[in-house]
Amino acid sequence: MREILGDIRRWQRLGRRVALARVVDLEGSGPRLPGAAMAVADDGEVTGSVSGGCVEAAVVTEALEVLGKGDRRMVSFGYSDDEAFAVGLTCGGTVHLFIEPLDW
């Protein structure tokens, strides 16, 4: 989380809207442990990582939807999911993420 704070603060100063995605649970093997975080600005700029690259594009899409709707959501990507293969999550586990807009 600390490595993304500089970008989040910069976006805050610029008046940008930001969504934060965090790994909250992991079943089986996964690329990042719970606590890993990624922030997405309203223009799609990204900082941090929740999967070492394998599901980041899908998480950006979810985060931008969260910013558009103003909601919060849990999303999961797992080895047996068709979408997991499409985004490259083939490590054998399931990663659970909580995505929410940051409220300045």
C-alpha atoms as a PDB file:
ATOM      1  CA  MET A   1       0.000   0.000   0.000  1.00  0.00           C
ATOM      2  CA  ARG A   2       2.796   2.430   0.846  1.00  0.00           C
ATOM      3  CA  GLU A   3       4.245   2.293  -2.659  1.00  0.00           C
ATOM      4  CA  ILE A   4       1.024   3.686  -4.157  1.00  0.00           C
ATOM      5  CA  LEU A   5       0.449   6.534  -1.688  1.00  0.00           C
ATOM      6  CA  GLY A   6       2.521   9.060  -3.650  1.00  0.00           C
ATOM      7  CA  ASP A   7       0.401   8.612  -6.760  1.00  0.00           C
ATOM      8  CA  ILE A   8      -2.836   8.689  -4.762  1.00  0.00           C
ATOM      9  CA  ARG A   9      -1.798  11.953  -3.097  1.00  0.00           C
ATOM     10  CA  ARG A  10      -0.867  13.448  -6.480  1.00  0.00           C
ATOM     11  CA  TRP A  11      -4.241  12.453  -7.931  1.00  0.00           C
ATOM     12  CA  GLN A  12      -5.977  13.930  -4.881  1.00  0.00           C
ATOM     13  CA  ARG A  13      -4.179  17.271  -5.385  1.00  0.00           C
ATOM     14  CA  LEU A  14      -5.281  17.218  -9.026  1.00  0.00           C
ATOM     15  CA  GLY A  15      -8.917  16.607  -8.028  1.00  0.00           C
ATOM     16  CA  ARG A  16      -9.035  13.177  -9.675  1.00  0.00           C
ATOM     17  CA  ARG A  17     -11.465  10.470  -8.681  1.00  0.00           C
ATOM     18  CA  VAL A  18      -9.745   7.251  -7.611  1.00  0.00           C
ATOM     19  CA  ALA A  19     -10.797   3.664  -6.933  1.00  0.00           C
ATOM     20  CA  LEU A  20      -8.790   1.380  -4.682  1.00  0.00           C
ATOM     21  CA  ALA A  21      -8.668  -2.389  -5.274  1.00  0.00           C
ATOM     22  CA  ARG A  22      -7.303  -4.614  -2.503  1.00  0.00           C
ATOM     23  CA  VAL A  23      -6.706  -8.336  -2.261  1.00  0.00           C
ATOM     24  CA  VAL A  24      -8.851  -9.393   0.703  1.00  0.00           C
ATOM     25  CA  ASP A  25      -8.652 -13.174   0.403  1.00  0.00           C
ATOM     26  CA  LEU A  26      -6.863 -15.857  -1.519  1.00  0.00           C
ATOM     27  CA  GLU A  27      -7.840 -19.482  -2.028  1.00  0.00           C
ATOM     28  CA  GLY A  28      -5.033 -21.771  -3.078  1.00  0.00           C
ATOM     29  CA  SER A  29      -2.082 -20.356  -4.960  1.00  0.00           C
ATOM     30  CA  GLY A  30      -2.142 -16.729  -6.037  1.00  0.00           C
ATOM     31  CA  PRO A  31       0.159 -14.089  -7.421  1.00  0.00           C
ATOM     32  CA  ARG A  32      -0.180 -11.553  -4.547  1.00  0.00           C
ATOM     33  CA  LEU A  33      -1.089 -11.933  -0.884  1.00  0.00           C
ATOM     34  CA  PRO A  34      -3.993 -10.266   0.930  1.00  0.00           C
ATOM     35  CA  GLY A  35      -3.232  -6.606   1.468  1.00  0.00           C
ATOM     36  CA  ALA A  36      -1.815  -6.070  -2.017  1.00  0.00           C
ATOM     37  CA  ALA A  37      -3.350  -2.916  -3.478  1.00  0.00           C
ATOM     38  CA  MET A  38      -3.825  -1.139  -6.770  1.00  0.00           C
ATOM     39  CA  ALA A  39      -5.313   2.314  -7.352  1.00  0.00           C
ATOM     40  CA  VAL A  40      -6.995   3.424 -10.570  1.00  0.00           C
ATOM     41  CA  ALA A  41      -7.585   7.079 -11.461  1.00  0.00           C
ATOM     42  CA  ASP A  42     -10.645   8.163 -13.422  1.00  0.00           C
ATOM     43  CA  ASP A  43      -8.584   8.422 -16.634  1.00  0.00           C
ATOM     44  CA  GLY A  44      -7.364   4.814 -16.313  1.00  0.00           C
ATOM     45  CA  GLU A  45      -3.918   5.611 -14.886  1.00  0.00           C
ATOM     46  CA  VAL A  46      -2.839   2.792 -12.560  1.00  0.00           C
ATOM     47  CA  THR A  47      -0.441   2.398  -9.655  1.00  0.00           C
ATOM     48  CA  GLY A  48       0.304  -0.752  -7.670  1.00  0.00           C
ATOM     49  CA  SER A  49      -0.578  -4.360  -8.400  1.00  0.00           C
ATOM     50  CA  VAL A  50      -3.035  -6.949  -7.145  1.00  0.00           C
ATOM     51  CA  SER A  51      -1.907  -9.838  -9.308  1.00  0.00           C
ATOM     52  CA  GLY A  52       1.545  -9.277 -10.692  1.00  0.00           C
ATOM     53  CA  GLY A  53      -0.046  -8.402 -14.018  1.00  0.00           C
ATOM     54  CA  CYS A  54      -2.345 -11.330 -14.739  1.00  0.00           C
ATOM     55  CA  VAL A  55      -5.731  -9.744 -13.887  1.00  0.00           C
ATOM     56  CA  GLU A  56      -4.857  -6.042 -13.786  1.00  0.00           C
ATOM     57  CA  ALA A  57      -6.730  -5.153 -17.008  1.00  0.00           C
ATOM     58  CA  ALA A  58      -9.935  -6.724 -15.695  1.00  0.00           C
ATOM     59  CA  VAL A  59      -9.488  -4.948 -12.343  1.00  0.00           C
ATOM     60  CA  VAL A  60      -9.063  -1.590 -14.123  1.00  0.00           C
ATOM     61  CA  THR A  61     -12.366  -2.209 -15.926  1.00  0.00           C
ATOM     62  CA  GLU A  62     -14.094  -3.029 -12.627  1.00  0.00           C
ATOM     63  CA  ALA A  63     -12.539  -0.001 -10.896  1.00  0.00           C
ATOM     64  CA  LEU A  64     -13.692   2.378 -13.623  1.00  0.00           C
ATOM     65  CA  GLU A  65     -17.213   0.939 -13.319  1.00  0.00           C
ATOM     66  CA  VAL A  66     -17.055   1.525  -9.542  1.00  0.00           C
ATOM     67  CA  LEU A  67     -16.095   5.152 -10.180  1.00  0.00           C
ATOM     68  CA  GLY A  68     -18.907   5.535 -12.704  1.00  0.00           C
ATOM     69  CA  LYS A  69     -21.557   4.085 -10.403  1.00  0.00           C
ATOM     70  CA  GLY A  70     -20.141   5.165  -7.047  1.00  0.00           C
ATOM     71  CA  ASP A  71     -20.598   1.688  -5.589  1.00  0.00           C
ATOM     72  CA  ARG A  72     -18.301  -0.789  -3.879  1.00  0.00           C
ATOM     73  CA  ARG A  73     -17.939  -4.397  -4.884  1.00  0.00           C
ATOM     74  CA  MET A  74     -16.251  -7.700  -4.298  1.00  0.00           C
ATOM     75  CA  VAL A  75     -14.873  -9.414  -7.381  1.00  0.00           C
ATOM     76  CA  SER A  76     -13.166 -12.776  -7.691  1.00  0.00           C
ATOM     77  CA  PHE A  77     -10.971 -14.355 -10.313  1.00  0.00           C
ATOM     78  CA  GLY A  78     -10.297 -18.075 -10.110  1.00  0.00           C
ATOM     79  CA  TYR A  79      -8.485 -20.766 -11.999  1.00  0.00           C
ATOM     80  CA  SER A  80     -11.682 -22.474 -13.137  1.00  0.00           C
ATOM     81  CA  ASP A  81     -13.364 -19.276 -14.345  1.00  0.00           C
ATOM     82  CA  ASP A  82     -13.401 -18.710 -18.094  1.00  0.00           C
ATOM     83  CA  GLU A  83     -12.594 -15.066 -17.421  1.00  0.00           C
ATOM     84  CA  ALA A  84      -9.565 -16.067 -15.343  1.00  0.00           C
ATOM     85  CA  PHE A  85      -8.045 -17.807 -18.353  1.00  0.00           C
ATOM     86  CA  ALA A  86      -8.899 -14.842 -20.558  1.00  0.00           C
ATOM     87  CA  VAL A  87      -7.037 -12.435 -18.260  1.00  0.00           C
ATOM     88  CA  GLY A  88      -4.149 -14.814 -17.598  1.00  0.00           C
ATOM     89  CA  LEU A  89      -4.800 -16.108 -14.062  1.00  0.00           C
ATOM     90  CA  THR A  90      -3.542 -19.663 -14.384  1.00  0.00           C
ATOM     91  CA  CYS A  91      -1.810 -20.018 -11.003  1.00  0.00           C
ATOM     92  CA  GLY A  92      -4.423 -22.448  -9.684  1.00  0.00           C
ATOM     93  CA  GLY A  93      -6.044 -20.280  -7.016  1.00  0.00           C
ATOM     94  CA  THR A  94      -8.794 -17.733  -6.618  1.00  0.00           C
ATOM     95  CA  VAL A  95      -8.130 -14.117  -5.727  1.00  0.00           C
ATOM     96  CA  HIS A  96     -10.865 -12.052  -4.042  1.00  0.00           C
ATOM     97  CA  LEU A  97     -10.711  -8.262  -4.367  1.00  0.00           C
ATOM     98  CA  PHE A  98     -12.645  -5.438  -2.743  1.00  0.00           C
ATOM     99  CA  ILE A  99     -12.910  -2.346  -4.938  1.00  0.00           C
ATOM    100  CA  GLU A 100     -14.149   0.987  -3.630  1.00  0.00           C
ATOM    101  CA  PRO A 101     -13.970   4.643  -4.560  1.00  0.00           C
ATOM    102  CA  LEU A 102     -11.727   6.759  -2.333  1.00  0.00           C
ATOM    103  CA  ASP A 103     -13.590   9.519  -0.593  1.00  0.00           C
ATOM    104  CA  TRP A 104     -11.487  12.628  -0.132  1.00  0.00           C
END
